[in-house]
Amino acid sequence: MSEVIRSELARVASAMGAGDLPFVLERPRETGHGDLATNLAMLVARARQVNPRTVAGEILGMLQLPDSVVSRVEIAGPGFINFWLAQDTLADALQRIVTAGERYGRSDGGRGLRVNVEFVSANPTGPLHVGHGRGAALGDAIAALLEWTGHEVTRELYINHAGAQIDPRVGSQWARVQQRRGREVPVPEGGYHGEYLLEAAERTVVDLDASLLDGSLETAAPALRTYILELQRQEQDALLEDFGVAFDVHTSEQQKLYEGGLVQALLDELAAKGLTYEKDGALWLRTEAHGDDKDRVLRKSDGSLTYVVPDIAYHRDKHERGFHRAIDIWGADHHGYVPRMRAALRALGYGNDFFEVVIVQLVKVMKGGEEVRMSKRAGDFVTLRDLLDWVGVDAARYFFLMRRGDAPFTFDVDLARKQTDENPVFYVQMAHARMSGIFRVANLAVDAVGDRADVTALPAPEDHALLKALTSFPDAVAGAARAREPHRIPAYLEDLARLAHSWYHHCRVLGEAKETEQARLVLARAARGVLGNGLRLLGLTAPDRM
């Protein structure tokens, strides 16, 4: 069992004075390299500046693993330690997979840790674009991984609408409303275009009082601003719901931070701690002493606050709410902002592990062999709604998650729509459907086959390759959660699907000898369960027919 091996490796690492090293135990890419492999020796060797193979030999001498768990252990390459699982272990693992059912892959390593995952947090000025969609999928998947590993998770959306970024939208919508009412009012320079403004203008004319719209923009602006924010929020919430994303908390920058007094409370605390000073008529924060490249201005000489102030206040509030971790999903254009926020939170006395940022890179959309640069609806970008209309929720979420979030990504719409093995999400879902089809042909309920099987009755190498891959799912989930890397799960699922398809083609289930048929039915049930768990973890459906 991988859990037994991992626990024993952790014991040995601790005995060697290396208990804090983040070693991995995972399934090797090459089948000849065992069922599981660890890099522990190489990590210890790097810390000691010695030969990794020598350290690997030392680790082997300290390992205490019964023959019923591991049949063979070898040192390979530069210092990997490879493990071959015993038959008893595989039999126990198969039964455990089936018995655990929808809970297989879950663990409790994060028990007692409260984590806030904040994502999307788009300015409410227009439709969500494909970049927001990638961030939504990434944030939701990270939250799900943390939940699967025992953390108490809160998904949060921050509505950052207190600044002047909403003003161009107000002016643009006012112009469209007036045009709708027969007046020649141009969209202001730097304003917003696209059909969504025409649609919004139609609703505005119906919903707002005509006397308000007869007046000036200056008079109507406060009411129009409130209306736009509510309208945009409703649209964004509906789209995110369609995308399978639900937030536990919505935090309003204006209402909670400013009107709720949190910004002033932050400034008072910083002053009380001696972390601020006056210079050139401005108020500065001492962030350089805490890892930033220079101190930062909090209040400018004209009396206005910089945008760093509400951001610090917001994260201070997360800390005050009792979260042990605050994980933010930010766009690539915010990369340089990370050090100053980290320094500011260090200055407040928060630990280095409180604040984390996961960067999500830009998305390029290809359709019909050409890049799609804009949509009719938005005017100058591809909306998430466009994408969902083209490929559906499952393909959109899977494609967003199958590559590292911090790497630029090209979304191939034509590939995502294919009903062939070339399409990775189709390939994985088809594997699940094929496992389900076995029970349909046998006229058996999936749970009717029980959870016990004689693994010695599985004669083919494809049987054992599939079973061994199934045992790696908990480690894949735990590793993806620790690294905040959901793309590891699609990689695992595609590998598992490849083995499941191969097994389906090469290994007959029904009509074999009684012991083999039973063992393969249990194996099919286990494979179906793990594929389904992986798909649902990513927020996708697990179809029984395709």
Foldseek 3Di string as FASTA:
>chain_A
DVVVVVVQLLVLCVVVVNNPDPKAWFQDPDVVQALIKIPVLVVVCVVVVHQSQVSLVVSVVRGDDDCQAFVDWDADDSHMIHTHGHLNNLQVLLLVLLVCFLLPLAAAPAAPAEEEEEALQDALQDFAFLLSVLRQLLSLLLQLLCVSHNYHYFYEHEHEHPDCPNVLSLQQLLCLLVVVVPDRDDRDVVHFDFQQSNVVSVVCVVPDDVVLSVDDSVSNVVVSSVVSSVVSVVVHQVVVVQLVGDGPYYHYLCVCCPVVVLLVVVVVVCVVLVQWDDDPQFIWGQLVVQQDVGIGTQADNVGHGDPVSSVLSVLVVVVVVPHQAYEYEEEPVCVSVVRSSLSSVVSVVRDSRHYHYAYAYEEWEDEPNDTDQDDNGRGGGHHPVNLCVQQNSLLSSLQSQQDFRNDYYYHYSVLSNDCDCSNLSNLLLVLLLLLLVVCVVVVHDLCPLPRGANVVLAPDPLLVVLSSLLSRSSSLSNVCNVVSRSSSLSVSSSVNSVSSVVCSVPPDQPPDPPRRNSRVSSSSSSSSSSSQSSSVSSVHHRDNHD
